[in-house]
Every structure is written in structure tokens, then in C-alpha cells.
């Protein structure tokens, strides 16, 4: 009887922990938990080991604040990258998204969030000071602001542009507009307006 109670506690604890993960609701947590119960012990051990290893080995790069497993991240340590351009993003996952395009070959700087007065996050809570120090030697000629095109992202981009421009560094913003394959009739006014503003010559 005691064993059954303990087993139930163990399953509920797993469900609770899985439910804390972003994007995992109760049903998804249940599916994952039952999959792990039906999997062999080695599969469960591999997953547990991978989680522990990523927590032990992955840290923030001291230069750009993206994820790294060595002293600096793969991008910062790559001598072939264009060091005259820095793309500023909110989170490390944004670096992964841009890298997947295969079209950007400069460096990155991760802010660690966005300016959000509602959440009591100002420039002092972000890696803004470290970004400005990277511009001190004059090697960087362009900053690409790649924060999300929402209220907080636009506020952050506007603030950064204001403090960077006096340093003589070119400041650009990612164009935002219509997705490839999208229909004009389904686009909202803001997206369509930005697409018009970001038009380019063919």
C-alpha cells in the first residue's frame, strides 16, 4: 500500500515538474510522463543525463551573453565573422533563429530581455553597458537592432538607437512586414504599413 502511494507521488511530481515547462500543458505533461514510464531505463537515464550536463556545461558567453560551452561562444571565437557588425537581440534563442537563415555573418549581443516598465525592467537590468563598451575601440561600424516588433521591443530599439547614434555608429533595424506566402487581405494594418515603409527597389 505504501509503495503504491509513493509511486503515485513520484508520478505526480513528474507531472508537476513537466507542467512548469513553457508550452507544456497538463495533457502534454501527461503524454510525456507516460512515455517516460513506458520507455526503458536507459532512455530515461539519457534524458536525465542530458539535462544535468546542459546545466553544468552551458553558461553565458562573457562577450555577447549568448550560450557557450567554452570560454566564449562559437560565434565570438570564430575568426571569420565580420567584427564590424553586431546584431543586438533580446534572448540567446534569437541568435539561433538568425543563424538558421545562413545570411548573417557578423557578431551578436544578447541584451537578456527588453525594456519593460510594467515588469520593472529598465536599461540598467539589461546588458546595455556591455554593448556600449564593445563600441569603444571603433572597430564596430554598424549595429543591427533585432528586437521583436512589439511594444517592448520597439521601446528597447528606440532607446538603443538614441544612445548609440552619438557614438558615430550606424544603427539599423530589421525590416518587418509580410511573411512569404502571405495574403495582403489577411495582413493587419501595422504589418502592412511596415511592409510599405520597408519596401525596396527591384
N, C-alpha and C. Protein backbone atom coordinates (compact mmCIF):
# COMPACT_ATOMS: atom_id res chain seq x y z
N UNK A 1 0.84 -1.21 0.00
CA UNK A 1 0.00 0.00 0.00
C UNK A 1 0.86 1.25 0.00
N UNK A 2 1.91 1.22 0.86
CA UNK A 2 2.81 2.37 0.92
C UNK A 2 3.52 2.57 -0.41
N UNK A 3 3.89 1.44 -1.07
CA UNK A 3 4.59 1.52 -2.36
C UNK A 3 3.70 2.19 -3.40
N UNK A 4 2.44 1.83 -3.43
CA UNK A 4 1.51 2.41 -4.40
C UNK A 4 1.37 3.91 -4.18
N UNK A 5 1.32 4.31 -2.88
CA UNK A 5 1.20 5.74 -2.58
C UNK A 5 2.45 6.48 -3.05
N UNK A 6 3.63 5.88 -2.78
CA UNK A 6 4.89 6.51 -3.19
C UNK A 6 4.99 6.61 -4.70
N UNK A 7 4.54 5.54 -5.41
CA UNK A 7 4.57 5.57 -6.88
C UNK A 7 3.68 6.70 -7.38
N UNK A 8 2.51 6.85 -6.76
CA UNK A 8 1.62 7.93 -7.17
C UNK A 8 2.24 9.28 -6.94
N UNK A 9 2.94 9.45 -5.81
CA UNK A 9 3.62 10.71 -5.54
C UNK A 9 4.71 10.97 -6.58
N UNK A 10 5.44 9.94 -6.96
CA UNK A 10 6.53 10.10 -7.94
C UNK A 10 5.97 10.54 -9.28
N UNK A 11 4.87 9.93 -9.71
CA UNK A 11 4.25 10.30 -10.99
C UNK A 11 3.71 11.72 -10.93
N UNK A 12 3.05 12.07 -9.83
CA UNK A 12 2.51 13.42 -9.70
C UNK A 12 3.62 14.46 -9.68
N UNK A 13 4.75 14.11 -9.03
CA UNK A 13 5.88 15.04 -9.00
C UNK A 13 6.43 15.27 -10.41
N UNK A 14 6.52 14.18 -11.20
CA UNK A 14 6.97 14.31 -12.58
C UNK A 14 6.01 15.17 -13.38
N UNK A 15 4.71 14.93 -13.23
CA UNK A 15 3.70 15.73 -13.93
C UNK A 15 3.81 17.20 -13.55
N UNK A 16 4.01 17.46 -12.27
CA UNK A 16 4.13 18.85 -11.79
C UNK A 16 5.34 19.54 -12.41
N UNK A 17 6.47 18.83 -12.43
CA UNK A 17 7.71 19.42 -12.97
C UNK A 17 7.60 19.65 -14.47
N UNK A 18 7.02 18.69 -15.19
CA UNK A 18 6.83 18.86 -16.63
C UNK A 18 5.88 20.01 -16.92
N UNK A 19 4.87 20.16 -16.08
CA UNK A 19 3.90 21.23 -16.26
C UNK A 19 4.47 22.62 -16.06
N UNK A 20 5.62 22.72 -15.42
CA UNK A 20 6.27 24.02 -15.23
C UNK A 20 7.00 24.49 -16.49
N UNK A 21 7.23 23.58 -17.42
CA UNK A 21 7.96 23.93 -18.63
C UNK A 21 7.08 24.78 -19.55
N UNK A 22 7.66 25.77 -20.24
CA UNK A 22 6.86 26.63 -21.12
C UNK A 22 6.26 25.83 -22.27
N UNK A 23 5.01 26.10 -22.55
CA UNK A 23 4.33 25.44 -23.66
C UNK A 23 3.83 24.04 -23.35
N UNK A 24 4.05 23.56 -22.13
CA UNK A 24 3.60 22.22 -21.74
C UNK A 24 2.39 22.35 -20.82
N UNK A 25 1.23 21.99 -21.35
CA UNK A 25 0.01 21.99 -20.54
C UNK A 25 -0.17 20.65 -19.85
N UNK A 26 -1.25 20.49 -19.09
CA UNK A 26 -1.49 19.25 -18.36
C UNK A 26 -1.51 18.00 -19.25
N UNK A 27 -2.16 18.10 -20.43
CA UNK A 27 -2.25 16.93 -21.31
C UNK A 27 -0.89 16.56 -21.89
N UNK A 28 -0.13 17.59 -22.30
CA UNK A 28 1.21 17.32 -22.83
C UNK A 28 2.11 16.73 -21.76
N UNK A 29 2.00 17.26 -20.54
CA UNK A 29 2.80 16.73 -19.43
C UNK A 29 2.45 15.27 -19.19
N UNK A 30 1.17 14.95 -19.29
CA UNK A 30 0.73 13.57 -19.08
C UNK A 30 1.29 12.65 -20.17
N UNK A 31 1.25 13.10 -21.43
CA UNK A 31 1.78 12.28 -22.53
C UNK A 31 3.27 12.01 -22.34
N UNK A 32 4.03 13.05 -21.99
CA UNK A 32 5.48 12.89 -21.80
C UNK A 32 5.76 11.96 -20.62
N UNK A 33 5.02 12.15 -19.53
CA UNK A 33 5.23 11.32 -18.34
C UNK A 33 4.97 9.85 -18.64
N UNK A 34 3.88 9.55 -19.35
CA UNK A 34 3.56 8.16 -19.66
C UNK A 34 4.54 7.58 -20.66
N UNK A 35 5.04 8.42 -21.55
CA UNK A 35 6.08 7.95 -22.49
C UNK A 35 7.33 7.53 -21.71
N UNK A 36 7.72 8.36 -20.73
CA UNK A 36 8.89 8.04 -19.93
C UNK A 36 8.67 6.78 -19.09
N UNK A 37 7.44 6.60 -18.61
CA UNK A 37 7.13 5.40 -17.82
C UNK A 37 7.26 4.13 -18.67
N UNK A 38 6.86 4.25 -19.94
CA UNK A 38 6.90 3.09 -20.83
C UNK A 38 8.28 2.88 -21.46
N UNK A 39 9.12 3.92 -21.43
CA UNK A 39 10.46 3.80 -22.02
C UNK A 39 11.34 2.94 -21.11
N UNK A 40 12.42 2.41 -21.71
CA UNK A 40 13.33 1.63 -20.87
C UNK A 40 14.16 2.57 -20.00
N UNK A 41 14.80 2.00 -19.01
CA UNK A 41 15.54 2.81 -18.04
C UNK A 41 16.67 3.59 -18.69
N UNK A 42 17.28 3.02 -19.74
CA UNK A 42 18.40 3.69 -20.40
C UNK A 42 17.96 4.98 -21.08
N UNK A 43 16.79 4.97 -21.72
CA UNK A 43 16.28 6.18 -22.37
C UNK A 43 16.03 7.28 -21.35
N UNK A 44 15.44 6.92 -20.23
CA UNK A 44 15.18 7.89 -19.15
C UNK A 44 16.49 8.41 -18.59
N UNK A 45 17.48 7.53 -18.47
CA UNK A 45 18.79 7.94 -17.94
C UNK A 45 19.49 8.91 -18.89
N UNK A 46 19.37 8.66 -20.20
CA UNK A 46 19.99 9.56 -21.19
C UNK A 46 19.39 10.95 -21.10
N UNK A 47 18.06 11.01 -20.96
CA UNK A 47 17.39 12.31 -20.85
C UNK A 47 17.83 13.04 -19.59
N UNK A 48 17.86 12.32 -18.47
CA UNK A 48 18.27 12.93 -17.20
C UNK A 48 19.72 13.42 -17.27
N UNK A 49 20.58 12.62 -17.89
CA UNK A 49 21.99 13.00 -18.03
C UNK A 49 22.15 14.24 -18.91
N UNK A 50 21.39 14.28 -20.01
CA UNK A 50 21.46 15.43 -20.92
C UNK A 50 21.04 16.71 -20.22
N UNK A 51 20.00 16.64 -19.39
CA UNK A 51 19.53 17.81 -18.65
C UNK A 51 20.59 18.27 -17.66
N UNK A 52 21.18 17.34 -16.93
CA UNK A 52 22.22 17.69 -15.96
C UNK A 52 23.45 18.27 -16.64
N UNK A 53 23.84 17.68 -17.77
CA UNK A 53 25.04 18.15 -18.48
C UNK A 53 24.85 19.56 -19.02
N UNK A 54 23.67 19.86 -19.56
CA UNK A 54 23.45 21.19 -20.12
C UNK A 54 23.49 22.25 -19.02
N UNK A 55 23.01 21.89 -17.81
CA UNK A 55 23.06 22.83 -16.69
C UNK A 55 24.49 23.02 -16.17
N UNK A 56 25.30 21.97 -16.27
CA UNK A 56 26.67 22.03 -15.76
C UNK A 56 27.64 22.67 -16.75
N UNK A 57 27.41 22.46 -18.05
CA UNK A 57 28.40 22.84 -19.06
C UNK A 57 28.08 24.11 -19.83
N UNK A 58 26.82 24.48 -19.91
CA UNK A 58 26.45 25.66 -20.70
C UNK A 58 26.37 26.89 -19.79
N UNK A 59 26.99 27.97 -20.24
CA UNK A 59 26.99 29.22 -19.47
C UNK A 59 26.86 30.39 -20.45
N UNK A 60 26.78 31.59 -19.92
CA UNK A 60 26.68 32.77 -20.78
C UNK A 60 28.07 33.18 -21.26
N UNK A 61 28.18 33.48 -22.55
CA UNK A 61 29.43 33.99 -23.10
C UNK A 61 29.73 35.34 -22.45
N UNK A 62 30.94 35.56 -21.95
CA UNK A 62 31.26 36.83 -21.29
C UNK A 62 31.35 38.02 -22.25
N UNK A 63 31.36 37.75 -23.56
CA UNK A 63 31.45 38.82 -24.55
C UNK A 63 30.07 39.25 -25.03
N UNK A 64 29.29 38.27 -25.53
CA UNK A 64 28.00 38.61 -26.15
C UNK A 64 26.79 38.17 -25.34
N UNK A 65 27.00 37.33 -24.31
CA UNK A 65 25.94 36.86 -23.43
C UNK A 65 24.97 35.87 -24.08
N UNK A 66 25.43 35.24 -25.19
CA UNK A 66 24.70 34.10 -25.72
C UNK A 66 25.18 32.87 -24.97
N UNK A 67 24.67 31.69 -25.32
CA UNK A 67 25.09 30.47 -24.63
C UNK A 67 26.44 30.01 -25.16
N UNK A 68 27.25 29.46 -24.26
CA UNK A 68 28.58 28.97 -24.62
C UNK A 68 28.91 27.73 -23.81
N UNK A 69 29.73 26.87 -24.38
CA UNK A 69 30.23 25.69 -23.65
C UNK A 69 31.73 25.81 -23.42
N UNK A 70 32.37 26.78 -24.10
CA UNK A 70 33.80 27.04 -23.88
C UNK A 70 33.93 28.42 -23.25
N UNK A 71 35.16 28.98 -23.27
CA UNK A 71 35.35 30.30 -22.66
C UNK A 71 34.44 31.34 -23.29
N UNK A 72 34.38 31.34 -24.63
CA UNK A 72 33.47 32.22 -25.35
C UNK A 72 32.63 31.36 -26.30
N UNK A 73 31.54 31.91 -26.80
CA UNK A 73 30.64 31.14 -27.67
C UNK A 73 31.28 30.90 -29.03
N UNK A 74 30.67 30.03 -29.82
CA UNK A 74 31.21 29.66 -31.13
C UNK A 74 31.30 30.87 -32.06
N UNK A 75 30.34 31.78 -31.99
CA UNK A 75 30.35 32.95 -32.88
C UNK A 75 31.48 33.90 -32.51
N UNK A 76 31.60 34.23 -31.23
CA UNK A 76 32.65 35.16 -30.80
C UNK A 76 34.05 34.61 -31.04
N UNK A 77 34.20 33.29 -30.98
CA UNK A 77 35.52 32.69 -31.17
C UNK A 77 35.83 32.38 -32.63
N UNK A 78 34.88 32.64 -33.52
CA UNK A 78 35.07 32.38 -34.95
C UNK A 78 35.74 33.57 -35.62
N UNK A 79 37.00 33.41 -36.01
CA UNK A 79 37.77 34.50 -36.60
C UNK A 79 37.29 34.93 -37.96
N UNK A 80 36.42 34.14 -38.60
CA UNK A 80 35.93 34.50 -39.93
C UNK A 80 34.71 35.41 -39.89
N UNK A 81 34.15 35.66 -38.71
CA UNK A 81 32.96 36.51 -38.63
C UNK A 81 33.33 37.97 -38.85
N UNK A 82 32.38 38.73 -39.39
CA UNK A 82 32.58 40.16 -39.64
C UNK A 82 32.46 40.91 -38.31
N UNK A 83 33.57 41.40 -37.80
CA UNK A 83 33.58 42.04 -36.48
C UNK A 83 33.20 43.52 -36.53
N UNK A 84 32.85 44.01 -37.71
CA UNK A 84 32.41 45.40 -37.83
C UNK A 84 30.91 45.55 -37.62
N UNK A 85 30.20 44.40 -37.54
CA UNK A 85 28.74 44.43 -37.41
C UNK A 85 28.31 43.61 -36.20
N UNK A 86 27.45 44.20 -35.37
CA UNK A 86 26.88 43.48 -34.22
C UNK A 86 25.37 43.52 -34.33
N UNK A 87 24.76 42.34 -34.27
CA UNK A 87 23.30 42.22 -34.27
C UNK A 87 22.85 42.10 -32.82
N UNK A 88 22.01 43.02 -32.38
CA UNK A 88 21.54 43.05 -31.00
C UNK A 88 20.18 42.35 -30.91
N UNK A 89 20.10 41.33 -30.04
CA UNK A 89 18.87 40.56 -29.87
C UNK A 89 18.48 40.55 -28.39
N UNK A 90 17.28 40.11 -28.11
CA UNK A 90 16.79 40.08 -26.72
C UNK A 90 17.28 38.86 -25.96
N UNK A 91 17.19 37.69 -26.58
CA UNK A 91 17.48 36.43 -25.90
C UNK A 91 18.41 35.55 -26.72
N UNK A 92 19.11 34.61 -26.08
CA UNK A 92 20.00 33.70 -26.83
C UNK A 92 19.29 32.92 -27.92
N UNK A 93 18.01 32.58 -27.71
CA UNK A 93 17.29 31.81 -28.73
C UNK A 93 17.12 32.60 -30.02
N UNK A 94 17.18 33.94 -29.93
CA UNK A 94 17.09 34.76 -31.14
C UNK A 94 18.35 34.59 -32.01
N UNK A 95 19.49 34.36 -31.37
CA UNK A 95 20.73 34.10 -32.10
C UNK A 95 20.55 32.84 -32.95
N UNK A 96 19.99 31.81 -32.35
CA UNK A 96 19.77 30.54 -33.07
C UNK A 96 18.86 30.76 -34.27
N UNK A 97 17.81 31.55 -34.10
CA UNK A 97 16.87 31.80 -35.20
C UNK A 97 17.56 32.51 -36.36
N UNK A 98 18.38 33.52 -36.06
CA UNK A 98 19.06 34.26 -37.11
C UNK A 98 20.14 33.40 -37.77
N UNK A 99 20.86 32.61 -36.98
CA UNK A 99 21.89 31.74 -37.53
C UNK A 99 21.30 30.72 -38.51
N UNK A 100 20.08 30.29 -38.25
CA UNK A 100 19.44 29.31 -39.15
C UNK A 100 19.24 29.85 -40.55
N UNK A 101 19.15 31.17 -40.69
CA UNK A 101 18.94 31.75 -42.03
C UNK A 101 20.19 31.60 -42.90
N UNK A 102 21.36 31.53 -42.28
CA UNK A 102 22.61 31.40 -43.03
C UNK A 102 23.00 32.65 -43.80
N UNK A 103 22.33 33.78 -43.51
CA UNK A 103 22.59 35.01 -44.28
C UNK A 103 23.36 36.07 -43.49
N UNK A 104 23.51 35.87 -42.20
CA UNK A 104 24.20 36.86 -41.36
C UNK A 104 25.54 36.31 -40.91
N UNK A 105 26.59 37.13 -41.05
CA UNK A 105 27.94 36.64 -40.74
C UNK A 105 28.70 37.56 -39.77
N UNK A 106 27.96 38.42 -39.07
CA UNK A 106 28.60 39.30 -38.10
C UNK A 106 28.55 38.71 -36.70
N UNK A 107 28.69 39.58 -35.71
CA UNK A 107 28.67 39.16 -34.31
C UNK A 107 27.29 39.44 -33.70
N UNK A 108 27.11 39.05 -32.44
CA UNK A 108 25.84 39.26 -31.75
C UNK A 108 26.08 39.92 -30.40
N UNK A 109 24.99 40.48 -29.87
CA UNK A 109 24.99 40.93 -28.47
C UNK A 109 23.60 40.65 -27.93
N UNK A 110 23.52 39.86 -26.86
CA UNK A 110 22.25 39.48 -26.26
C UNK A 110 21.97 40.38 -25.06
N UNK A 111 20.85 41.08 -25.10
CA UNK A 111 20.50 42.02 -24.03
C UNK A 111 20.05 41.33 -22.75
N UNK A 112 19.48 40.14 -22.90
CA UNK A 112 18.96 39.46 -21.72
C UNK A 112 17.55 39.91 -21.36
N UNK A 113 16.83 40.41 -22.36
CA UNK A 113 15.46 40.88 -22.13
C UNK A 113 15.20 42.14 -22.91
N UNK A 114 14.14 42.83 -22.57
CA UNK A 114 13.77 44.10 -23.21
C UNK A 114 13.32 45.08 -22.14
N UNK A 115 13.34 46.34 -22.48
CA UNK A 115 12.86 47.36 -21.56
C UNK A 115 11.35 47.20 -21.38
N UNK A 116 10.92 47.03 -20.13
CA UNK A 116 9.51 46.81 -19.85
C UNK A 116 9.16 47.44 -18.50
N UNK A 117 8.71 48.69 -18.49
CA UNK A 117 8.36 49.36 -17.24
C UNK A 117 7.36 48.58 -16.40
N UNK A 118 6.43 47.88 -17.06
CA UNK A 118 5.43 47.09 -16.33
C UNK A 118 6.08 46.00 -15.50
N UNK A 119 7.18 45.45 -16.00
CA UNK A 119 7.90 44.39 -15.29
C UNK A 119 9.10 44.94 -14.51
N UNK A 120 9.19 46.27 -14.45
CA UNK A 120 10.28 46.95 -13.75
C UNK A 120 11.65 46.58 -14.32
N UNK A 121 11.71 46.48 -15.66
CA UNK A 121 12.96 46.20 -16.35
C UNK A 121 13.36 47.44 -17.13
N UNK A 122 14.47 48.05 -16.76
CA UNK A 122 14.99 49.20 -17.46
C UNK A 122 16.32 48.86 -18.09
N UNK A 123 16.96 49.83 -18.73
CA UNK A 123 18.27 49.59 -19.37
C UNK A 123 19.31 49.06 -18.39
N UNK A 124 19.18 49.43 -17.11
CA UNK A 124 20.16 49.01 -16.10
C UNK A 124 20.11 47.50 -15.86
N UNK A 125 18.96 46.88 -16.13
CA UNK A 125 18.82 45.44 -15.92
C UNK A 125 19.26 44.63 -17.15
N UNK A 126 19.56 45.31 -18.23
CA UNK A 126 19.96 44.65 -19.47
C UNK A 126 21.47 44.83 -19.70
N UNK A 127 22.01 44.12 -20.70
CA UNK A 127 23.44 44.21 -20.99
C UNK A 127 23.74 45.37 -21.96
N UNK A 128 23.23 46.56 -21.60
CA UNK A 128 23.44 47.75 -22.44
C UNK A 128 24.83 48.32 -22.22
N UNK A 129 25.26 48.39 -20.97
CA UNK A 129 26.58 48.93 -20.66
C UNK A 129 27.67 48.12 -21.37
N UNK A 130 27.51 46.80 -21.36
CA UNK A 130 28.50 45.94 -22.02
C UNK A 130 28.49 46.14 -23.53
N UNK A 131 27.32 46.41 -24.10
CA UNK A 131 27.25 46.69 -25.54
C UNK A 131 28.01 47.96 -25.87
N UNK A 132 27.79 49.01 -25.09
CA UNK A 132 28.47 50.28 -25.35
C UNK A 132 29.98 50.14 -25.21
N UNK A 133 30.43 49.29 -24.28
CA UNK A 133 31.88 49.10 -24.11
C UNK A 133 32.48 48.39 -25.32
N UNK A 134 31.68 47.57 -26.01
CA UNK A 134 32.17 46.89 -27.21
C UNK A 134 32.35 47.85 -28.38
N UNK A 135 31.74 49.02 -28.28
CA UNK A 135 31.84 50.01 -29.36
C UNK A 135 32.99 50.99 -29.14
N UNK A 136 33.65 50.87 -28.01
CA UNK A 136 34.65 51.87 -27.62
C UNK A 136 35.87 51.91 -28.53
N UNK A 137 36.29 50.76 -29.09
CA UNK A 137 37.54 50.74 -29.87
C UNK A 137 37.35 51.19 -31.32
N UNK A 138 36.10 51.45 -31.74
CA UNK A 138 35.86 51.96 -33.08
C UNK A 138 35.84 50.91 -34.17
N UNK A 139 36.00 49.64 -33.83
CA UNK A 139 36.01 48.58 -34.84
C UNK A 139 34.61 48.32 -35.40
N UNK A 140 33.59 48.48 -34.57
CA UNK A 140 32.21 48.24 -34.99
C UNK A 140 31.67 49.45 -35.74
N UNK A 141 31.16 49.22 -36.94
CA UNK A 141 30.64 50.32 -37.76
C UNK A 141 29.11 50.28 -37.90
N UNK A 142 28.50 49.14 -37.55
CA UNK A 142 27.04 49.04 -37.67
C UNK A 142 26.47 48.19 -36.55
N UNK A 143 25.36 48.66 -36.00
CA UNK A 143 24.58 47.91 -35.02
C UNK A 143 23.23 47.61 -35.65
N UNK A 144 22.88 46.33 -35.72
CA UNK A 144 21.56 45.93 -36.23
C UNK A 144 20.67 45.63 -35.02
N UNK A 145 19.59 46.35 -34.88
CA UNK A 145 18.67 46.14 -33.77
C UNK A 145 17.62 45.12 -34.19
N UNK A 146 17.66 43.94 -33.57
CA UNK A 146 16.79 42.83 -33.96
C UNK A 146 15.88 42.39 -32.82
N UNK A 147 15.41 43.37 -32.03
CA UNK A 147 14.42 43.04 -31.00
C UNK A 147 13.07 42.82 -31.68
N UNK A 148 12.16 42.14 -30.99
CA UNK A 148 10.86 41.83 -31.57
C UNK A 148 10.07 43.11 -31.91
N UNK A 149 9.24 43.06 -32.95
CA UNK A 149 8.47 44.24 -33.34
C UNK A 149 7.19 44.40 -32.51
N UNK A 150 7.34 44.32 -31.17
CA UNK A 150 6.21 44.59 -30.29
C UNK A 150 6.52 45.85 -29.49
N UNK A 151 5.65 46.22 -28.57
CA UNK A 151 5.82 47.48 -27.84
C UNK A 151 7.15 47.52 -27.09
N UNK A 152 7.46 46.44 -26.34
CA UNK A 152 8.71 46.41 -25.57
C UNK A 152 9.93 46.39 -26.49
N UNK A 153 9.84 45.62 -27.57
CA UNK A 153 10.95 45.54 -28.50
C UNK A 153 11.23 46.86 -29.19
N UNK A 154 10.15 47.56 -29.56
CA UNK A 154 10.30 48.87 -30.22
C UNK A 154 10.85 49.90 -29.24
N UNK A 155 10.38 49.85 -28.00
CA UNK A 155 10.88 50.77 -26.97
C UNK A 155 12.37 50.56 -26.76
N UNK A 156 12.79 49.31 -26.69
CA UNK A 156 14.19 48.98 -26.49
C UNK A 156 15.03 49.44 -27.67
N UNK A 157 14.54 49.20 -28.88
CA UNK A 157 15.28 49.60 -30.09
C UNK A 157 15.42 51.12 -30.17
N UNK A 158 14.35 51.82 -29.83
CA UNK A 158 14.39 53.29 -29.85
C UNK A 158 15.40 53.82 -28.85
N UNK A 159 15.41 53.24 -27.66
CA UNK A 159 16.36 53.67 -26.63
C UNK A 159 17.80 53.42 -27.09
N UNK A 160 18.07 52.22 -27.60
CA UNK A 160 19.43 51.88 -28.03
C UNK A 160 19.89 52.78 -29.17
N UNK A 161 19.00 53.05 -30.12
CA UNK A 161 19.37 53.93 -31.23
C UNK A 161 19.76 55.31 -30.72
N UNK A 162 19.03 55.78 -29.71
CA UNK A 162 19.29 57.11 -29.16
C UNK A 162 20.65 57.19 -28.48
N UNK A 163 21.06 56.11 -27.80
CA UNK A 163 22.34 56.17 -27.08
C UNK A 163 23.53 55.79 -27.97
N UNK A 164 23.27 55.06 -29.06
CA UNK A 164 24.37 54.59 -29.92
C UNK A 164 24.73 55.58 -31.01
N UNK A 165 23.73 56.24 -31.59
CA UNK A 165 23.99 57.14 -32.73
C UNK A 165 25.03 58.21 -32.43
N UNK A 166 25.02 58.83 -31.24
CA UNK A 166 26.05 59.85 -30.96
C UNK A 166 27.48 59.31 -30.99
N UNK A 167 27.64 57.99 -30.95
CA UNK A 167 28.98 57.39 -30.99
C UNK A 167 29.52 57.27 -32.41
N UNK A 168 28.69 57.68 -33.40
CA UNK A 168 29.14 57.63 -34.79
C UNK A 168 29.00 56.26 -35.42
N UNK A 169 28.22 55.38 -34.80
CA UNK A 169 28.00 54.03 -35.33
C UNK A 169 26.66 54.00 -36.06
N UNK A 170 26.64 53.40 -37.24
CA UNK A 170 25.39 53.28 -38.00
C UNK A 170 24.45 52.34 -37.27
N UNK A 171 23.19 52.75 -37.13
CA UNK A 171 22.19 51.94 -36.44
C UNK A 171 21.09 51.57 -37.44
N UNK A 172 20.85 50.27 -37.60
CA UNK A 172 19.80 49.81 -38.50
C UNK A 172 18.82 48.93 -37.71
N UNK A 173 17.64 48.74 -38.29
CA UNK A 173 16.59 47.95 -37.64
C UNK A 173 16.14 46.89 -38.62
N UNK A 174 15.89 45.68 -38.15
CA UNK A 174 15.37 44.63 -39.03
C UNK A 174 14.07 45.11 -39.66
N UNK A 175 13.93 44.89 -40.96
CA UNK A 175 12.67 45.21 -41.62
C UNK A 175 11.61 44.23 -41.14
N UNK A 176 10.40 44.71 -40.99
CA UNK A 176 9.30 43.82 -40.61
C UNK A 176 8.15 44.07 -41.56
N UNK A 177 7.52 43.00 -41.99
CA UNK A 177 6.44 43.17 -42.95
C UNK A 177 5.73 41.86 -43.21
N UNK A 178 5.38 41.65 -44.48
CA UNK A 178 4.57 40.49 -44.84
C UNK A 178 5.40 39.21 -44.90
N UNK A 179 4.86 38.11 -44.37
CA UNK A 179 5.55 36.85 -44.49
C UNK A 179 5.48 36.32 -45.91
N UNK A 180 6.48 35.55 -46.33
CA UNK A 180 6.46 34.95 -47.66
C UNK A 180 5.27 34.01 -47.74
N UNK A 181 4.48 34.14 -48.81
CA UNK A 181 3.31 33.28 -48.97
C UNK A 181 2.06 33.84 -48.32
N UNK A 182 2.17 35.01 -47.68
CA UNK A 182 1.01 35.60 -47.01
C UNK A 182 0.12 36.36 -47.98
N UNK A 183 -1.15 36.51 -47.64
CA UNK A 183 -2.10 37.26 -48.45
C UNK A 183 -2.31 38.65 -47.87
N UNK A 184 -2.32 39.66 -48.74
CA UNK A 184 -2.50 41.04 -48.29
C UNK A 184 -3.79 41.23 -47.50
N UNK A 185 -4.85 40.56 -47.95
CA UNK A 185 -6.16 40.78 -47.31
C UNK A 185 -6.19 40.32 -45.85
N UNK A 186 -5.26 39.41 -45.48
CA UNK A 186 -5.25 38.90 -44.11
C UNK A 186 -4.24 39.62 -43.22
N UNK A 187 -3.46 40.53 -43.79
CA UNK A 187 -2.44 41.24 -43.01
C UNK A 187 -3.08 42.34 -42.18
N UNK A 188 -2.62 42.50 -40.94
CA UNK A 188 -3.14 43.61 -40.13
C UNK A 188 -2.53 44.92 -40.59
N UNK A 189 -3.11 46.02 -40.15
CA UNK A 189 -2.69 47.34 -40.64
C UNK A 189 -1.25 47.66 -40.30
N UNK A 190 -0.81 47.30 -39.10
CA UNK A 190 0.56 47.61 -38.68
C UNK A 190 1.57 46.85 -39.54
N UNK A 191 1.33 45.55 -39.74
CA UNK A 191 2.23 44.74 -40.55
C UNK A 191 2.28 45.25 -41.98
N UNK A 192 1.13 45.55 -42.54
CA UNK A 192 1.08 46.03 -43.92
C UNK A 192 1.75 47.39 -44.04
N UNK A 193 1.52 48.26 -43.05
CA UNK A 193 2.17 49.58 -43.07
C UNK A 193 3.68 49.47 -43.01
N UNK A 194 4.18 48.56 -42.20
CA UNK A 194 5.63 48.38 -42.11
C UNK A 194 6.20 47.80 -43.39
N UNK A 195 5.44 46.93 -44.03
CA UNK A 195 5.90 46.36 -45.29
C UNK A 195 6.05 47.45 -46.35
N UNK A 196 5.13 48.40 -46.33
CA UNK A 196 5.20 49.52 -47.29
C UNK A 196 6.41 50.40 -46.96
N UNK A 197 6.61 50.69 -45.68
CA UNK A 197 7.74 51.53 -45.28
C UNK A 197 9.10 50.87 -45.57
N UNK A 198 9.13 49.55 -45.49
CA UNK A 198 10.40 48.83 -45.69
C UNK A 198 10.57 48.35 -47.13
N UNK A 199 9.78 48.92 -48.05
CA UNK A 199 9.86 48.49 -49.46
C UNK A 199 11.25 48.76 -50.01
N UNK A 200 11.66 47.96 -50.99
CA UNK A 200 12.98 48.13 -51.61
C UNK A 200 12.86 48.11 -53.11
N UNK A 201 13.83 48.68 -53.77
CA UNK A 201 13.83 48.75 -55.22
C UNK A 201 14.19 47.39 -55.82
N UNK A 202 13.54 47.04 -56.90
CA UNK A 202 13.80 45.77 -57.60
C UNK A 202 14.52 46.02 -58.91
